[in-house]
């Protein structure tokens, strides 16, 4: 079963653990080294379920700050091929080389986002974007 099919089944089943289970499924993708979901609370992004080798210190990020905050403010997916070359990047792990952030929208407003780091430079392409944007739609009902 594909990653998308697995998450579709999780979303259909629903439940309080849907976001955590989706994070665990996404973390199985080889080049995804850290996977987290941030939820919008007021003017901040607050870290929800995550999976990776260690926790991030960035558990609360103002909307508009960093790559995560930029994606939340614009409602557009952000792909950073080289985090060291992007001044918006909020460093979490020394090993991170690239990042993708996909907003999760519900009723026309951003309610959360999927944040994924990779230890590989330029790890994220169109296939990742398409998958994660579809996953964001499936997870939207669980983010508000």
C-alpha atoms as a PDB file:
ATOM      1  CA  UNK A   1       0.000   0.000   0.000  1.00  0.00           C
ATOM      2  CA  UNK A   2       1.325   3.457  -0.882  1.00  0.00           C
ATOM      3  CA  UNK A   3       1.966   6.215   1.641  1.00  0.00           C
ATOM      4  CA  UNK A   4      -1.004   8.162   0.309  1.00  0.00           C
ATOM      5  CA  UNK A   5      -3.324   5.152   0.495  1.00  0.00           C
ATOM      6  CA  UNK A   6      -2.260   4.483   4.077  1.00  0.00           C
ATOM      7  CA  UNK A   7      -2.975   8.081   5.096  1.00  0.00           C
ATOM      8  CA  UNK A   8      -6.290   8.037   3.213  1.00  0.00           C
ATOM      9  CA  UNK A   9      -7.310   5.036   5.334  1.00  0.00           C
ATOM     10  CA  UNK A  10      -6.198   6.783   8.527  1.00  0.00           C
ATOM     11  CA  UNK A  11      -8.259   9.852   7.612  1.00  0.00           C
ATOM     12  CA  UNK A  12     -11.314   7.742   6.758  1.00  0.00           C
ATOM     13  CA  UNK A  13     -11.063   5.960  10.098  1.00  0.00           C
ATOM     14  CA  UNK A  14     -10.507   9.248  11.930  1.00  0.00           C
ATOM     15  CA  UNK A  15      -9.832   9.545  15.614  1.00  0.00           C
ATOM     16  CA  UNK A  16      -7.711  11.492  18.046  1.00  0.00           C
ATOM     17  CA  UNK A  17      -4.452   9.886  16.897  1.00  0.00           C
ATOM     18  CA  UNK A  18      -4.844  10.568  13.164  1.00  0.00           C
ATOM     19  CA  UNK A  19      -2.196  13.310  13.020  1.00  0.00           C
ATOM     20  CA  UNK A  20       0.355  11.296  15.021  1.00  0.00           C
ATOM     21  CA  UNK A  21      -0.264   8.217  12.884  1.00  0.00           C
ATOM     22  CA  UNK A  22       0.121  10.248   9.680  1.00  0.00           C
ATOM     23  CA  UNK A  23       3.444  11.653  10.940  1.00  0.00           C
ATOM     24  CA  UNK A  24       4.669   8.120  11.643  1.00  0.00           C
ATOM     25  CA  UNK A  25       3.718   6.970   8.125  1.00  0.00           C
ATOM     26  CA  UNK A  26       5.466   9.954   6.511  1.00  0.00           C
ATOM     27  CA  UNK A  27       8.596   9.446   8.612  1.00  0.00           C
ATOM     28  CA  UNK A  28       9.049   6.045   6.947  1.00  0.00           C
ATOM     29  CA  UNK A  29       9.941   7.765   3.663  1.00  0.00           C
ATOM     30  CA  UNK A  30      13.684   7.295   3.335  1.00  0.00           C
ATOM     31  CA  UNK A  31      14.768  10.896   2.761  1.00  0.00           C
ATOM     32  CA  UNK A  32      12.456  12.382   5.436  1.00  0.00           C
ATOM     33  CA  UNK A  33      14.678  12.729   8.504  1.00  0.00           C
ATOM     34  CA  UNK A  34      12.261  14.752  10.681  1.00  0.00           C
ATOM     35  CA  UNK A  35       8.492  15.134  10.252  1.00  0.00           C
ATOM     36  CA  UNK A  36       6.268  17.419  12.282  1.00  0.00           C
ATOM     37  CA  UNK A  37       2.857  19.023  12.164  1.00  0.00           C
ATOM     38  CA  UNK A  38       2.445  22.542  13.462  1.00  0.00           C
ATOM     39  CA  UNK A  39      -1.026  23.822  14.357  1.00  0.00           C
ATOM     40  CA  UNK A  40      -2.057  27.465  14.166  1.00  0.00           C
ATOM     41  CA  UNK A  41      -2.961  28.949  17.549  1.00  0.00           C
ATOM     42  CA  UNK A  42      -3.690  32.659  17.287  1.00  0.00           C
ATOM     43  CA  UNK A  43      -0.657  34.250  15.619  1.00  0.00           C
ATOM     44  CA  UNK A  44       1.654  31.298  16.294  1.00  0.00           C
ATOM     45  CA  UNK A  45       2.444  27.870  14.929  1.00  0.00           C
ATOM     46  CA  UNK A  46       2.575  25.367  17.777  1.00  0.00           C
ATOM     47  CA  UNK A  47       4.292  22.019  17.349  1.00  0.00           C
ATOM     48  CA  UNK A  48       1.945  19.076  17.454  1.00  0.00           C
ATOM     49  CA  UNK A  49       2.835  15.480  16.609  1.00  0.00           C
ATOM     50  CA  UNK A  50       6.357  14.905  15.339  1.00  0.00           C
ATOM     51  CA  UNK A  51       8.777  12.091  14.639  1.00  0.00           C
ATOM     52  CA  UNK A  52      12.530  12.195  14.244  1.00  0.00           C
ATOM     53  CA  UNK A  53      15.808  11.514  16.014  1.00  0.00           C
ATOM     54  CA  UNK A  54      15.301  14.403  18.452  1.00  0.00           C
ATOM     55  CA  UNK A  55      12.910  17.168  19.425  1.00  0.00           C
ATOM     56  CA  UNK A  56      13.186  20.650  17.953  1.00  0.00           C
ATOM     57  CA  UNK A  57      13.574  23.701  20.144  1.00  0.00           C
ATOM     58  CA  UNK A  58      11.135  25.500  17.833  1.00  0.00           C
ATOM     59  CA  UNK A  59       7.890  24.455  19.471  1.00  0.00           C
ATOM     60  CA  UNK A  60       6.244  27.856  18.893  1.00  0.00           C
ATOM     61  CA  UNK A  61       6.922  29.946  15.780  1.00  0.00           C
ATOM     62  CA  UNK A  62       5.215  33.272  15.002  1.00  0.00           C
ATOM     63  CA  UNK A  63       3.322  33.227  11.706  1.00  0.00           C
ATOM     64  CA  UNK A  64       5.553  35.038   9.223  1.00  0.00           C
ATOM     65  CA  UNK A  65       8.846  34.003  10.864  1.00  0.00           C
ATOM     66  CA  UNK A  66      11.160  31.417   9.321  1.00  0.00           C
ATOM     67  CA  UNK A  67      10.281  29.091   6.470  1.00  0.00           C
ATOM     68  CA  UNK A  68       7.415  27.608   8.490  1.00  0.00           C
ATOM     69  CA  UNK A  69       5.977  31.005   9.302  1.00  0.00           C
ATOM     70  CA  UNK A  70       6.324  32.133   5.676  1.00  0.00           C
ATOM     71  CA  UNK A  71       4.344  29.111   4.453  1.00  0.00           C
ATOM     72  CA  UNK A  72       1.647  29.747   7.048  1.00  0.00           C
ATOM     73  CA  UNK A  73       1.420  33.435   6.092  1.00  0.00           C
ATOM     74  CA  UNK A  74       1.274  32.837   2.325  1.00  0.00           C
ATOM     75  CA  UNK A  75      -0.647  29.565   2.276  1.00  0.00           C
ATOM     76  CA  UNK A  76       1.895  28.309  -0.284  1.00  0.00           C
ATOM     77  CA  UNK A  77       4.231  25.319  -0.116  1.00  0.00           C
ATOM     78  CA  UNK A  78       7.857  26.263   0.562  1.00  0.00           C
ATOM     79  CA  UNK A  79      10.730  24.102  -0.671  1.00  0.00           C
ATOM     80  CA  UNK A  80      14.241  25.011   0.457  1.00  0.00           C
ATOM     81  CA  UNK A  81      16.961  23.063  -1.371  1.00  0.00           C
ATOM     82  CA  UNK A  82      19.762  24.405   0.847  1.00  0.00           C
ATOM     83  CA  UNK A  83      18.739  25.596   4.294  1.00  0.00           C
ATOM     84  CA  UNK A  84      22.171  27.148   4.831  1.00  0.00           C
ATOM     85  CA  UNK A  85      21.553  29.505   1.899  1.00  0.00           C
ATOM     86  CA  UNK A  86      18.079  30.647   3.057  1.00  0.00           C
ATOM     87  CA  UNK A  87      18.202  33.397   5.698  1.00  0.00           C
ATOM     88  CA  UNK A  88      14.635  32.559   6.781  1.00  0.00           C
ATOM     89  CA  UNK A  89      15.640  29.094   7.952  1.00  0.00           C
ATOM     90  CA  UNK A  90      15.376  28.569  11.725  1.00  0.00           C
ATOM     91  CA  UNK A  91      18.108  26.040  12.442  1.00  0.00           C
ATOM     92  CA  UNK A  92      16.927  22.979  14.326  1.00  0.00           C
ATOM     93  CA  UNK A  93      19.474  20.286  13.570  1.00  0.00           C
ATOM     94  CA  UNK A  94      23.039  20.559  12.302  1.00  0.00           C
ATOM     95  CA  UNK A  95      22.388  17.646   9.942  1.00  0.00           C
ATOM     96  CA  UNK A  96      19.453  19.281   8.091  1.00  0.00           C
ATOM     97  CA  UNK A  97      20.228  20.270   4.495  1.00  0.00           C
ATOM     98  CA  UNK A  98      16.776  20.840   2.954  1.00  0.00           C
ATOM     99  CA  UNK A  99      13.191  21.436   4.045  1.00  0.00           C
ATOM    100  CA  UNK A 100       9.641  21.357   2.705  1.00  0.00           C
ATOM    101  CA  UNK A 101       6.722  23.042   4.453  1.00  0.00           C
ATOM    102  CA  UNK A 102       3.166  22.410   3.246  1.00  0.00           C
ATOM    103  CA  UNK A 103       0.292  24.492   4.661  1.00  0.00           C
ATOM    104  CA  UNK A 104      -2.868  22.731   5.778  1.00  0.00           C
ATOM    105  CA  UNK A 105      -5.960  24.811   4.990  1.00  0.00           C
ATOM    106  CA  UNK A 106      -9.547  24.403   6.172  1.00  0.00           C
ATOM    107  CA  UNK A 107     -12.429  26.662   5.134  1.00  0.00           C
ATOM    108  CA  UNK A 108     -10.036  28.975   3.294  1.00  0.00           C
ATOM    109  CA  UNK A 109      -7.597  29.614   6.142  1.00  0.00           C
ATOM    110  CA  UNK A 110      -4.335  27.974   7.171  1.00  0.00           C
ATOM    111  CA  UNK A 111      -4.909  25.830  10.278  1.00  0.00           C
ATOM    112  CA  UNK A 112      -1.604  23.980  10.336  1.00  0.00           C
ATOM    113  CA  UNK A 113       1.278  22.716   8.274  1.00  0.00           C
ATOM    114  CA  UNK A 114       3.455  19.727   7.572  1.00  0.00           C
ATOM    115  CA  UNK A 115       7.151  20.462   8.139  1.00  0.00           C
ATOM    116  CA  UNK A 116       9.741  17.974   6.875  1.00  0.00           C
ATOM    117  CA  UNK A 117      13.525  18.173   7.081  1.00  0.00           C
ATOM    118  CA  UNK A 118      16.006  16.066   5.161  1.00  0.00           C
ATOM    119  CA  UNK A 119      19.680  15.431   5.745  1.00  0.00           C
ATOM    120  CA  UNK A 120      20.104  15.465   1.944  1.00  0.00           C
ATOM    121  CA  UNK A 121      20.491  18.688  -0.056  1.00  0.00           C
ATOM    122  CA  UNK A 122      17.681  19.363  -2.560  1.00  0.00           C
ATOM    123  CA  UNK A 123      15.805  16.286  -1.292  1.00  0.00           C
ATOM    124  CA  UNK A 124      12.303  17.480  -2.155  1.00  0.00           C
ATOM    125  CA  UNK A 125      10.816  17.575  -5.643  1.00  0.00           C
ATOM    126  CA  UNK A 126       7.465  17.653  -7.390  1.00  0.00           C
ATOM    127  CA  UNK A 127       6.610  14.135  -6.227  1.00  0.00           C
ATOM    128  CA  UNK A 128       7.045  15.152  -2.568  1.00  0.00           C
ATOM    129  CA  UNK A 129       5.078  18.366  -3.104  1.00  0.00           C
ATOM    130  CA  UNK A 130       2.177  16.518  -4.751  1.00  0.00           C
ATOM    131  CA  UNK A 131       2.088  13.811  -2.078  1.00  0.00           C
ATOM    132  CA  UNK A 132       2.263  16.233   0.834  1.00  0.00           C
ATOM    133  CA  UNK A 133      -0.279  18.658  -0.613  1.00  0.00           C
ATOM    134  CA  UNK A 134      -2.713  15.739  -0.964  1.00  0.00           C
ATOM    135  CA  UNK A 135      -1.923  14.599   2.585  1.00  0.00           C
ATOM    136  CA  UNK A 136      -2.548  18.177   3.825  1.00  0.00           C
ATOM    137  CA  UNK A 137      -6.081  18.054   2.385  1.00  0.00           C
ATOM    138  CA  UNK A 138      -6.720  14.716   4.117  1.00  0.00           C
ATOM    139  CA  UNK A 139      -5.431  16.012   7.464  1.00  0.00           C
ATOM    140  CA  UNK A 140      -7.236  19.370   7.401  1.00  0.00           C
ATOM    141  CA  UNK A 141     -10.334  18.148   9.294  1.00  0.00           C
ATOM    142  CA  UNK A 142      -8.089  17.039  12.173  1.00  0.00           C
ATOM    143  CA  UNK A 143      -6.265  20.379  12.544  1.00  0.00           C
ATOM    144  CA  UNK A 144      -8.881  22.744  13.885  1.00  0.00           C
END
